[in-house]
Amino acid sequence: MKNAAPVASALALVFVCILQLLAMWRLAHRPGLDVDESEFLHASLRMARGERIYLDFAEHHPPFLFHLLSRMAPRDTNDRPALDAWVLRARLLSALFGAVAVAAVAFVIVRATGMLYAPAIFIGTLLASPALWSRAFADVRTEPAALALFCAGAALVLLDSRRITLAAIGAGMIALGCLINPKWPLSSVALGIIFLVAAVRAGRAAFLRGVAMALAMMAAIALLLVSTIDPRLYVDFVFVQSRHLFWWLSHRPEVVTITPFFHCPPLLQPLYVFPAAAIVLAAAIATRDSFRDVRIVYGVIALVVTTFLEIRFVYAYPMLFVQYYILWGIAAAAAYAFLPAAVAGLLAKGVPNVAPVARVVPVVLTILAIVAAVAALPAAGVPDPNVVANAALAARLRPGDTVFLGMRRHPLGAHDASYYWFGFGDFVPSAIDLAKTPAGARFLPPIREEDLPPCRLERGLEPHLRLVTGGDEVAPMPVVSGCIDRLRVRGVLLPTHTKDVYYVRP
């Protein structure tokens, strides 16, 4: 009976981990592609054909994942079985990165609390937010790889301040993660400050050793960047262009209709996270026995604050998709995992003999986490109607045909008719707008709406164009929308069975 609680905690953690692995396996084998997966995979295929990112086709994400996926791509990009196998490999690689990230955070949570139920709460909370969970730990996108480095690096920085060399390696891993996915600048700075404070406290020799190691890591990262891409292109397309996209989005008329934190999962809303974080912080300050390693707790609370500031002031708030809440969600879920120990510590300080009551808190939260994880488990074998629709579109294409299709309807491997090939409702109009400025004209081609495939088709300049996106997807580009409307009236664009996708009459 004495060992019942640790055994139950261990079983709960094992069960939740099995659920996570099962969810990853099901997500990897699901039919169809998420819209961002389609973008990353298709851009990688373009690179596998010899096209150059930023120069031959538009992108505003860092190039590293594209390079990796392009090296894994099949030689024949029209071989459907080979493409399907490649997609599965890419998803399993993302799932591996995601598992590393989850394991790193779970490990520091156990170190901070000494309780096996705590990471079960952490994992269950994330599984209860399936859209965020899949984008963070399973989908083919930059977040899983970046989080594996960021979370493992943060663990090295937070775990033991006496091992400065390991902490320096951790700082370098965080920097590399942000090079792959530069969405967490304030959080990276916060962890960098924690590393420097620990290095100073460790003494002069340890400080010099740690700083030397950190600088060596930064030099290696700079070498990786220079050997992969022209650093000017990286800065212009990843930072300058993305910053303008955020500005453009935040000034759209529909921004007034967006509810703050609209795409943030319910369990991770600030209304619930900040009170939990306040209780955890109060326990860390007021009691010495609530946590085994209070330094980790302070680090997680710092990430709750910095990730909130990034959401509010760094991104295109409030027009944010769920992927912008990923690191906030991880920090919030970790704060929830600390909550039982914090409540038990605070109650024990004010109420004698409270241990039996305090045990109820982790039991209830662990059960809720497991129930939420089971409810959010991806269903197996669910048919995706988009797969059928996109296969029908792909069947219309012949060798040499090109398309002007959004990523939701873009057959993987189809040839694009334009430098701008995705994001017709936001990325493309913002890039065209940026190209009119001196800063944008420095690196963007002088493409106007009149130069995009639908308008070129109207002038008889696109003989190989076969499929065109219309409707709401191109609504922010009025010139392109006008060209499509006139082509439809003339009978040049014929409707397909897919809404707002048109076939160009031969």
Protein backbone atom coordinates (compact mmCIF):
# COMPACT_ATOMS: atom_id res chain seq x y z
CA MET A 1 0.00 0.00 0.00
CA LYS A 2 2.89 2.28 0.77
CA ASN A 3 4.17 2.07 -2.82
CA ALA A 4 0.72 2.32 -4.44
CA ALA A 5 1.01 6.03 -5.29
CA PRO A 6 4.40 5.81 -7.08
CA VAL A 7 3.27 2.72 -8.98
CA ALA A 8 0.02 4.40 -10.03
CA SER A 9 1.93 7.49 -11.14
CA ALA A 10 4.35 5.38 -13.16
CA LEU A 11 1.49 3.48 -14.80
CA ALA A 12 -0.30 6.74 -15.64
CA LEU A 13 2.85 8.13 -17.25
CA VAL A 14 3.45 4.95 -19.25
CA PHE A 15 -0.17 4.92 -20.41
CA VAL A 16 -0.07 8.55 -21.57
CA CYS A 17 3.24 7.95 -23.37
CA ILE A 18 1.73 4.98 -25.18
CA LEU A 19 -1.20 7.19 -26.19
CA GLN A 20 1.24 9.76 -27.56
CA LEU A 21 3.15 7.16 -29.59
CA LEU A 22 -0.12 5.75 -30.94
CA ALA A 23 -1.30 9.24 -31.89
CA MET A 24 1.98 9.93 -33.68
CA TRP A 25 1.71 6.66 -35.60
CA ARG A 26 -1.85 7.40 -36.67
CA LEU A 27 -1.01 10.94 -37.70
CA ALA A 28 1.94 9.72 -39.74
CA HIS A 29 -0.31 7.32 -41.67
CA ARG A 30 -3.30 9.62 -42.13
CA PRO A 31 -4.37 10.32 -45.72
CA GLY A 32 -4.02 13.80 -47.12
CA LEU A 33 -1.75 16.67 -46.16
CA ASP A 34 -2.19 19.64 -43.86
CA VAL A 35 -1.90 22.88 -45.81
CA ASP A 36 1.51 23.70 -44.32
CA GLU A 37 2.72 20.14 -44.85
CA SER A 38 1.80 20.53 -48.51
CA GLU A 39 3.86 23.71 -48.71
CA PHE A 40 6.95 22.25 -47.05
CA LEU A 41 6.85 18.99 -48.98
CA HIS A 42 6.16 20.58 -52.36
CA ALA A 43 8.88 23.21 -51.91
CA SER A 44 11.29 20.40 -51.04
CA LEU A 45 10.36 18.62 -54.26
CA ARG A 46 11.07 21.80 -56.21
CA MET A 47 14.52 21.90 -54.64
CA ALA A 48 15.01 18.20 -55.44
CA ARG A 49 14.43 19.14 -59.11
CA GLY A 50 17.24 21.67 -58.89
CA GLU A 51 15.24 24.86 -58.23
CA ARG A 52 16.67 27.39 -55.78
CA ILE A 53 14.69 28.50 -52.76
CA TYR A 54 14.02 32.28 -52.66
CA LEU A 55 15.47 32.76 -56.14
CA ASP A 56 13.40 30.42 -58.34
CA PHE A 57 10.36 30.24 -56.09
CA ALA A 58 9.05 32.28 -53.17
CA GLU A 59 9.36 31.25 -49.52
CA HIS A 60 9.52 32.99 -46.19
CA HIS A 61 10.56 30.05 -44.02
CA PRO A 62 14.19 29.14 -43.23
CA PRO A 63 15.76 26.79 -45.79
CA PHE A 64 17.12 24.03 -43.55
CA LEU A 65 14.13 21.66 -43.40
CA PHE A 66 13.61 22.06 -47.16
CA HIS A 67 17.22 21.03 -47.78
CA LEU A 68 16.85 17.99 -45.53
CA LEU A 69 13.58 16.84 -47.11
CA SER A 70 14.84 17.43 -50.65
CA ARG A 71 17.73 15.04 -49.99
CA MET A 72 15.23 12.40 -48.89
CA ALA A 73 12.93 12.95 -51.90
CA PRO A 74 12.51 10.34 -54.65
CA ARG A 75 14.28 10.95 -57.93
CA ASP A 76 11.07 10.61 -59.91
CA THR A 77 8.71 13.21 -58.47
CA ASN A 78 5.85 11.76 -60.56
CA ASP A 79 6.12 8.30 -58.96
CA ARG A 80 3.07 8.29 -56.65
CA PRO A 81 4.05 5.24 -54.49
CA ALA A 82 7.53 6.69 -54.02
CA LEU A 83 6.04 10.07 -53.06
CA ASP A 84 3.70 8.43 -50.55
CA ALA A 85 6.62 6.56 -48.97
CA TRP A 86 8.61 9.81 -48.81
CA VAL A 87 5.74 11.61 -47.07
CA LEU A 88 5.57 8.81 -44.49
CA ARG A 89 9.33 9.02 -43.87
CA ALA A 90 9.12 12.79 -43.45
CA ARG A 91 6.26 12.45 -40.97
CA LEU A 92 8.06 9.78 -38.97
CA LEU A 93 11.14 12.02 -38.85
CA SER A 94 8.98 14.87 -37.51
CA ALA A 95 7.45 12.49 -34.96
CA LEU A 96 10.95 11.50 -33.82
CA PHE A 97 11.88 15.17 -33.35
CA GLY A 98 8.60 15.72 -31.50
CA ALA A 99 9.25 12.77 -29.19
CA VAL A 100 12.66 14.23 -28.30
CA ALA A 101 11.05 17.58 -27.44
CA VAL A 102 8.36 16.00 -25.27
CA ALA A 103 10.86 13.73 -23.52
CA ALA A 104 13.17 16.66 -22.74
CA VAL A 105 10.38 18.69 -21.12
CA ALA A 106 9.00 15.64 -19.29
CA PHE A 107 12.46 14.94 -17.87
CA VAL A 108 12.92 18.42 -16.44
CA ILE A 109 9.40 18.28 -14.98
CA VAL A 110 10.29 15.08 -13.12
CA ARG A 111 13.53 16.68 -11.94
CA ALA A 112 11.66 19.72 -10.66
CA THR A 113 8.86 17.84 -8.87
CA GLY A 114 10.21 14.35 -8.19
CA MET A 115 6.77 13.05 -9.21
CA LEU A 116 6.00 10.72 -12.13
CA TYR A 117 2.43 11.94 -12.43
CA ALA A 118 3.63 15.45 -13.35
CA PRO A 119 4.76 14.66 -16.93
CA ALA A 120 1.51 12.70 -17.41
CA ILE A 121 -0.35 15.97 -16.78
CA PHE A 122 1.97 17.78 -19.18
CA ILE A 123 1.54 15.26 -22.01
CA GLY A 124 -2.20 14.86 -21.40
CA THR A 125 -2.73 18.63 -21.58
CA LEU A 126 -0.97 18.81 -24.94
CA LEU A 127 -2.81 15.79 -26.33
CA ALA A 128 -6.06 17.46 -25.30
CA SER A 129 -5.16 20.23 -27.78
CA PRO A 130 -4.84 18.08 -30.92
CA ALA A 131 -4.31 20.85 -33.49
CA LEU A 132 -1.48 22.37 -31.47
CA TRP A 133 -0.06 18.97 -30.58
CA SER A 134 0.10 17.76 -34.20
CA ARG A 135 1.75 20.96 -35.44
CA ALA A 136 4.29 20.90 -32.63
CA PHE A 137 5.23 17.24 -32.58
CA ALA A 138 4.04 15.39 -35.68
CA ASP A 139 3.37 17.45 -38.83
CA VAL A 140 6.03 17.99 -41.50
CA ARG A 141 7.00 21.56 -40.65
CA THR A 142 9.86 23.38 -38.92
CA GLU A 143 8.43 23.27 -35.39
CA PRO A 144 9.21 19.62 -34.46
CA ALA A 145 12.89 19.85 -35.41
CA ALA A 146 13.27 23.29 -33.84
CA LEU A 147 11.47 22.20 -30.65
CA ALA A 148 13.69 19.13 -30.31
CA LEU A 149 16.73 21.41 -30.22
CA PHE A 150 15.06 24.18 -28.20
CA CYS A 151 13.59 21.91 -25.51
CA ALA A 152 16.68 19.72 -25.19
CA GLY A 153 18.84 22.87 -25.01
CA ALA A 154 16.55 24.43 -22.41
CA ALA A 155 16.79 21.24 -20.36
CA LEU A 156 20.61 21.45 -20.37
CA VAL A 157 20.47 25.12 -19.37
CA LEU A 158 17.98 24.56 -16.54
CA LEU A 159 18.97 21.19 -15.13
CA ASP A 160 22.28 21.81 -13.41
CA SER A 161 23.92 25.20 -13.11
CA ARG A 162 27.20 23.57 -11.99
CA ARG A 163 27.76 21.90 -15.38
CA ILE A 164 28.43 25.05 -17.35
CA THR A 165 29.87 23.25 -20.37
CA LEU A 166 26.65 21.28 -20.82
CA ALA A 167 24.63 24.44 -20.27
CA ALA A 168 26.69 26.18 -22.98
CA ILE A 169 25.95 23.34 -25.37
CA GLY A 170 22.30 23.77 -24.45
CA ALA A 171 22.49 27.49 -25.25
CA GLY A 172 23.93 26.63 -28.65
CA MET A 173 21.14 24.12 -29.28
CA ILE A 174 18.56 26.80 -28.46
CA ALA A 175 20.22 29.17 -30.94
CA LEU A 176 20.23 26.47 -33.63
CA GLY A 177 16.56 25.74 -32.96
CA CYS A 178 15.75 29.41 -33.45
CA LEU A 179 17.75 29.49 -36.67
CA ILE A 180 15.52 26.68 -37.97
CA ASN A 181 12.33 28.32 -36.68
CA PRO A 182 12.90 31.92 -35.51
CA LYS A 183 9.61 32.44 -33.67
CA TRP A 184 10.85 32.56 -30.09
CA PRO A 185 13.31 35.46 -29.74
CA LEU A 186 12.29 36.64 -26.25
CA SER A 187 12.21 33.10 -24.87
CA SER A 188 15.67 32.44 -26.27
CA VAL A 189 17.00 35.63 -24.68
CA ALA A 190 15.44 34.65 -21.33
CA LEU A 191 17.16 31.26 -21.39
CA GLY A 192 20.40 32.94 -22.48
CA ILE A 193 20.22 35.23 -19.44
CA ILE A 194 19.63 32.21 -17.17
CA PHE A 195 22.73 30.58 -18.67
CA LEU A 196 24.88 33.69 -18.19
CA VAL A 197 23.75 34.13 -14.57
CA ALA A 198 24.63 30.51 -13.83
CA ALA A 199 27.99 30.91 -15.56
CA VAL A 200 28.83 34.01 -13.49
CA ARG A 201 27.88 32.27 -10.25
CA ALA A 202 29.98 29.23 -11.14
CA GLY A 203 33.23 31.19 -10.90
CA ARG A 204 35.67 32.78 -13.29
CA ALA A 205 37.13 29.57 -14.75
CA ALA A 206 33.71 28.02 -15.33
CA PHE A 207 32.43 31.29 -16.78
CA LEU A 208 35.25 31.51 -19.30
CA ARG A 209 34.87 27.85 -20.21
CA GLY A 210 31.14 28.18 -20.67
CA VAL A 211 31.33 31.38 -22.73
CA ALA A 212 34.07 29.87 -24.92
CA MET A 213 31.92 26.81 -25.57
CA ALA A 214 28.85 28.96 -26.31
CA LEU A 215 30.84 31.10 -28.76
CA ALA A 216 32.17 27.97 -30.46
CA MET A 217 28.59 26.72 -30.85
CA MET A 218 27.52 30.08 -32.31
CA ALA A 219 30.42 29.96 -34.77
CA ALA A 220 29.38 26.48 -35.88
CA ILE A 221 25.81 27.69 -36.37
CA ALA A 222 27.02 30.67 -38.41
CA LEU A 223 29.09 28.28 -40.55
CA LEU A 224 25.99 26.13 -41.10
CA LEU A 225 24.03 29.17 -42.24
CA VAL A 226 26.75 30.39 -44.62
CA SER A 227 27.26 26.93 -46.11
CA THR A 228 23.51 26.51 -46.70
CA ILE A 229 22.33 29.88 -48.01
CA ASP A 230 23.44 33.44 -48.63
CA PRO A 231 22.91 35.06 -45.20
CA ARG A 232 21.44 38.16 -46.85
CA LEU A 233 18.77 36.06 -48.52
CA TYR A 234 18.02 34.38 -45.21
CA VAL A 235 17.57 37.69 -43.40
CA ASP A 236 15.55 39.31 -46.20
CA PHE A 237 13.12 36.47 -46.88
CA VAL A 238 12.77 35.10 -43.35
CA PHE A 239 12.77 38.31 -41.31
CA VAL A 240 12.11 41.34 -43.52
CA GLN A 241 9.41 39.64 -45.56
CA SER A 242 7.79 37.92 -42.56
CA ARG A 243 7.74 41.19 -40.62
CA HIS A 244 5.95 42.88 -43.50
CA LEU A 245 3.51 39.96 -43.72
CA PHE A 246 2.71 40.40 -40.02
CA TRP A 247 2.19 44.14 -40.56
CA TRP A 248 -0.02 43.48 -43.58
CA LEU A 249 -2.13 40.92 -41.70
CA SER A 250 -2.57 43.15 -38.65
CA HIS A 251 -3.89 45.97 -40.88
CA ARG A 252 -6.50 43.88 -42.70
CA PRO A 253 -10.14 45.02 -42.28
CA GLU A 254 -11.17 41.67 -40.82
CA VAL A 255 -8.72 42.03 -37.93
CA VAL A 256 -11.40 43.80 -35.87
CA THR A 257 -13.53 40.63 -35.96
CA ILE A 258 -10.80 38.35 -34.59
CA THR A 259 -11.15 37.43 -30.91
CA PRO A 260 -7.79 37.56 -29.07
CA PHE A 261 -6.37 34.04 -28.58
CA PHE A 262 -9.11 32.71 -30.90
CA HIS A 263 -6.99 29.82 -32.20
CA CYS A 264 -5.43 29.09 -28.82
CA PRO A 265 -6.80 25.77 -27.41
CA PRO A 266 -9.29 26.21 -24.53
CA LEU A 267 -7.10 24.64 -21.84
CA LEU A 268 -4.25 26.99 -22.77
CA GLN A 269 -6.15 30.28 -22.60
CA PRO A 270 -4.43 32.95 -20.45
CA LEU A 271 -7.51 33.04 -18.20
CA TYR A 272 -6.49 29.62 -16.86
CA VAL A 273 -2.73 29.63 -17.41
CA PHE A 274 -1.82 32.81 -15.52
CA PRO A 275 -3.60 31.84 -12.26
CA ALA A 276 -1.92 28.42 -12.39
CA ALA A 277 1.46 30.03 -13.04
CA ALA A 278 0.88 32.48 -10.16
CA ILE A 279 0.14 29.62 -7.75
CA VAL A 280 3.26 27.78 -8.90
CA LEU A 281 5.40 30.89 -8.52
CA ALA A 282 3.97 31.61 -5.07
CA ALA A 283 4.78 28.06 -3.93
CA ALA A 284 8.30 28.30 -5.34
CA ILE A 285 8.91 31.53 -3.42
CA ALA A 286 7.08 30.70 -0.17
CA THR A 287 8.05 27.09 0.42
CA ARG A 288 11.28 25.20 0.05
CA ASP A 289 9.74 21.75 0.00
CA SER A 290 7.27 22.15 -2.86
CA PHE A 291 9.86 21.45 -5.57
CA ARG A 292 13.14 19.59 -5.75
CA ASP A 293 14.67 22.09 -8.18
CA VAL A 294 13.09 25.52 -7.95
CA ARG A 295 15.43 26.88 -10.64
CA ILE A 296 13.58 24.83 -13.25
CA VAL A 297 10.27 26.20 -12.01
CA TYR A 298 11.48 29.79 -12.31
CA GLY A 299 12.69 29.05 -15.84
CA VAL A 300 9.31 27.66 -16.91
CA ILE A 301 7.45 30.63 -15.41
CA ALA A 302 9.83 32.94 -17.28
CA LEU A 303 8.89 31.13 -20.50
CA VAL A 304 5.18 31.57 -19.74
CA VAL A 305 5.81 35.32 -19.56
CA THR A 306 8.10 35.61 -22.61
CA THR A 307 5.92 33.44 -24.85
CA PHE A 308 2.90 35.58 -23.96
CA LEU A 309 4.87 38.72 -24.86
CA GLU A 310 5.89 37.13 -28.17
CA ILE A 311 2.27 36.37 -28.99
CA ARG A 312 1.15 39.86 -28.10
CA PHE A 313 3.99 41.99 -29.51
CA VAL A 314 6.14 39.94 -31.92
CA TYR A 315 3.54 38.19 -34.08
CA ALA A 316 0.60 39.54 -36.11
CA TYR A 317 -1.67 39.63 -33.05
CA PRO A 318 -4.57 38.85 -32.95
CA MET A 319 -4.58 37.20 -36.41
CA LEU A 320 -2.61 34.17 -35.25
CA PHE A 321 -2.99 30.53 -36.23
CA VAL A 322 -2.55 27.72 -33.73
CA GLN A 323 1.16 27.20 -34.54
CA TYR A 324 1.99 30.56 -32.95
CA TYR A 325 0.81 29.21 -29.59
CA ILE A 326 3.09 26.17 -29.58
CA LEU A 327 5.82 27.28 -27.18
CA TRP A 328 3.26 29.13 -25.05
CA GLY A 329 1.29 25.86 -24.88
CA ILE A 330 4.35 23.85 -23.85
CA ALA A 331 5.23 26.33 -21.08
CA ALA A 332 1.59 26.46 -19.93
CA ALA A 333 1.29 22.65 -19.87
CA ALA A 334 4.49 22.48 -17.80
CA ALA A 335 3.02 25.03 -15.36
CA TYR A 336 -0.07 22.82 -15.03
CA ALA A 337 2.23 19.88 -14.31
CA PHE A 338 3.80 21.86 -11.43
CA LEU A 339 0.41 22.83 -10.03
CA PRO A 340 -0.25 19.76 -7.82
CA ALA A 341 3.12 20.04 -6.09
CA ALA A 342 2.58 23.78 -5.65
CA VAL A 343 -0.89 23.33 -4.15
CA ALA A 344 0.31 20.57 -1.86
CA GLY A 345 3.22 22.70 -0.68
CA LEU A 346 1.08 25.75 0.02
CA LEU A 347 -1.58 23.73 1.82
CA ALA A 348 0.98 21.86 3.88
CA LYS A 349 2.46 25.16 5.03
CA GLY A 350 -0.86 26.57 6.22
CA VAL A 351 -2.80 23.44 7.20
CA PRO A 352 -1.30 20.68 9.40
CA ASN A 353 -1.71 17.03 8.35
CA VAL A 354 -2.92 18.02 4.90
CA ALA A 355 -1.03 15.27 3.05
CA PRO A 356 -4.06 13.00 2.42
CA VAL A 357 -6.04 15.92 0.98
CA ALA A 358 -3.10 17.13 -1.09
CA ARG A 359 -2.81 13.73 -2.77
CA VAL A 360 -6.24 14.22 -4.32
CA VAL A 361 -4.98 17.10 -6.48
CA PRO A 362 -2.48 15.11 -8.58
CA VAL A 363 -4.84 12.14 -8.79
CA VAL A 364 -7.67 14.26 -10.19
CA LEU A 365 -5.44 16.14 -12.63
CA THR A 366 -3.78 12.95 -13.82
CA ILE A 367 -7.16 11.31 -14.47
CA LEU A 368 -8.35 14.40 -16.35
CA ALA A 369 -5.15 14.40 -18.41
CA ILE A 370 -5.59 10.74 -19.35
CA VAL A 371 -9.27 11.21 -20.25
CA ALA A 372 -8.41 14.26 -22.36
CA ALA A 373 -5.61 12.36 -24.09
CA VAL A 374 -7.88 9.44 -24.97
CA ALA A 375 -10.60 11.79 -26.27
CA ALA A 376 -8.11 13.64 -28.48
CA LEU A 377 -6.51 10.50 -29.95
CA PRO A 378 -6.64 10.70 -33.76
CA ALA A 379 -9.13 8.27 -35.25
CA ALA A 380 -7.72 5.51 -37.42
CA GLY A 381 -8.84 4.99 -41.00
CA VAL A 382 -10.98 8.12 -41.28
CA PRO A 383 -11.40 8.92 -45.01
CA ASP A 384 -10.31 12.36 -46.19
CA PRO A 385 -12.54 13.79 -48.95
CA ASN A 386 -9.74 16.17 -49.94
CA VAL A 387 -7.63 13.21 -51.02
CA VAL A 388 -10.24 12.16 -53.57
CA ALA A 389 -10.75 15.73 -54.82
CA ASN A 390 -7.02 16.39 -55.19
CA ALA A 391 -6.47 13.07 -56.95
CA ALA A 392 -9.14 14.08 -59.47
CA LEU A 393 -7.34 17.38 -60.06
CA ALA A 394 -4.00 15.64 -60.49
CA ALA A 395 -5.56 13.28 -63.06
CA ARG A 396 -6.33 16.29 -65.29
CA LEU A 397 -2.65 17.20 -65.59
CA ARG A 398 -0.41 16.04 -68.41
CA PRO A 399 3.38 16.31 -68.75
CA GLY A 400 4.34 19.97 -69.13
CA ASP A 401 1.14 21.34 -67.56
CA THR A 402 1.41 23.98 -64.83
CA VAL A 403 -0.95 25.08 -62.06
CA PHE A 404 -1.87 28.16 -60.05
CA LEU A 405 -3.43 26.43 -57.04
CA GLY A 406 -3.51 27.06 -53.31
CA MET A 407 -1.83 24.49 -51.09
CA ARG A 408 -5.11 22.87 -50.03
CA ARG A 409 -5.74 21.77 -53.63
CA HIS A 410 -2.19 21.52 -54.93
CA PRO A 411 -1.27 18.03 -56.21
CA LEU A 412 2.08 17.14 -54.68
CA GLY A 413 4.76 17.42 -57.33
CA ALA A 414 2.71 19.40 -59.86
CA HIS A 415 4.66 22.14 -61.67
CA ASP A 416 3.84 25.74 -60.75
CA ALA A 417 3.24 28.51 -63.22
CA SER A 418 4.67 31.32 -61.11
CA TYR A 419 7.39 32.43 -58.71
CA TYR A 420 4.53 33.04 -56.25
CA TRP A 421 2.88 29.65 -55.79
CA PHE A 422 1.20 29.61 -52.34
CA GLY A 423 -0.48 31.95 -49.87
CA PHE A 424 -2.59 33.77 -52.46
CA GLY A 425 -4.79 35.26 -49.74
CA ASP A 426 -2.02 36.72 -47.56
CA PHE A 427 1.61 35.96 -48.43
CA VAL A 428 1.45 36.91 -52.12
CA PRO A 429 -0.41 40.26 -51.78
CA SER A 430 1.83 41.26 -48.86
CA ALA A 431 4.96 40.36 -50.87
CA ILE A 432 3.72 42.32 -53.90
CA ASP A 433 3.09 45.25 -51.57
CA LEU A 434 6.56 44.92 -50.05
CA ALA A 435 8.20 44.80 -53.49
CA LYS A 436 6.96 48.36 -54.10
CA THR A 437 9.12 49.65 -51.23
CA PRO A 438 12.89 50.28 -51.44
CA ALA A 439 13.56 47.54 -48.88
CA GLY A 440 11.47 44.98 -50.77
CA ALA A 441 12.72 45.98 -54.22
CA ARG A 442 16.22 45.06 -53.03
CA PHE A 443 15.44 41.31 -52.99
CA LEU A 444 11.95 40.67 -54.40
CA PRO A 445 11.22 40.40 -58.14
CA PRO A 446 9.12 43.26 -59.61
CA ILE A 447 6.00 41.10 -59.96
CA ARG A 448 2.60 42.78 -59.92
CA GLU A 449 -0.84 41.21 -59.81
CA GLU A 450 -1.00 41.73 -63.59
CA ASP A 451 2.04 39.46 -63.90
CA LEU A 452 0.48 36.47 -62.12
CA PRO A 453 -0.72 33.49 -64.20
CA PRO A 454 -4.49 34.24 -64.36
CA CYS A 455 -3.85 37.70 -65.82
CA ARG A 456 -1.13 36.41 -68.13
CA LEU A 457 -3.59 33.75 -69.29
CA GLU A 458 -6.06 36.49 -70.18
CA ARG A 459 -3.39 37.98 -72.44
CA GLY A 460 -2.64 34.60 -74.04
CA LEU A 461 0.75 34.19 -72.32
CA GLU A 462 0.24 30.95 -70.37
CA PRO A 463 -0.18 28.08 -72.89
CA HIS A 464 0.70 25.39 -70.32
CA LEU A 465 -1.54 26.57 -67.47
CA ARG A 466 -4.25 23.99 -66.71
CA LEU A 467 -5.66 24.57 -63.20
CA VAL A 468 -6.43 27.89 -61.48
CA THR A 469 -7.62 28.80 -57.99
CA GLY A 470 -10.33 31.43 -57.64
CA GLY A 471 -12.93 32.55 -55.11
CA ASP A 472 -12.06 33.61 -51.58
CA GLU A 473 -8.49 32.35 -51.85
CA VAL A 474 -7.54 35.16 -54.24
CA ALA A 475 -10.03 37.75 -52.94
CA PRO A 476 -7.30 39.99 -51.40
CA MET A 477 -5.89 40.39 -54.94
CA PRO A 478 -8.63 42.34 -56.80
CA VAL A 479 -6.75 42.50 -60.11
CA VAL A 480 -6.29 38.71 -60.19
CA SER A 481 -9.91 38.18 -59.15
CA GLY A 482 -11.04 40.42 -62.03
CA CYS A 483 -8.96 38.46 -64.54
CA ILE A 484 -10.46 35.17 -63.31
CA ASP A 485 -14.01 36.55 -63.53
CA ARG A 486 -13.50 37.69 -67.11
CA LEU A 487 -11.92 34.37 -68.08
CA ARG A 488 -14.92 32.53 -66.63
CA VAL A 489 -17.35 34.71 -68.60
CA ARG A 490 -15.40 34.01 -71.81
CA GLY A 491 -15.49 30.27 -71.12
CA VAL A 492 -11.72 29.97 -70.88
CA LEU A 493 -11.99 28.76 -67.27
CA LEU A 494 -14.33 25.82 -66.76
CA PRO A 495 -15.60 24.70 -63.33
CA THR A 496 -14.36 21.44 -61.81
CA HIS A 497 -15.97 19.30 -59.13
CA THR A 498 -13.79 21.13 -56.59
CA LYS A 499 -15.15 24.46 -55.39
CA ASP A 500 -13.31 27.54 -56.71
CA VAL A 501 -10.89 25.49 -58.81
CA TYR A 502 -11.11 25.94 -62.59
CA TYR A 503 -9.81 23.98 -65.54
CA VAL A 504 -8.27 25.95 -68.41
CA ARG A 505 -9.96 24.95 -71.65
CA PRO A 506 -7.29 23.66 -74.10
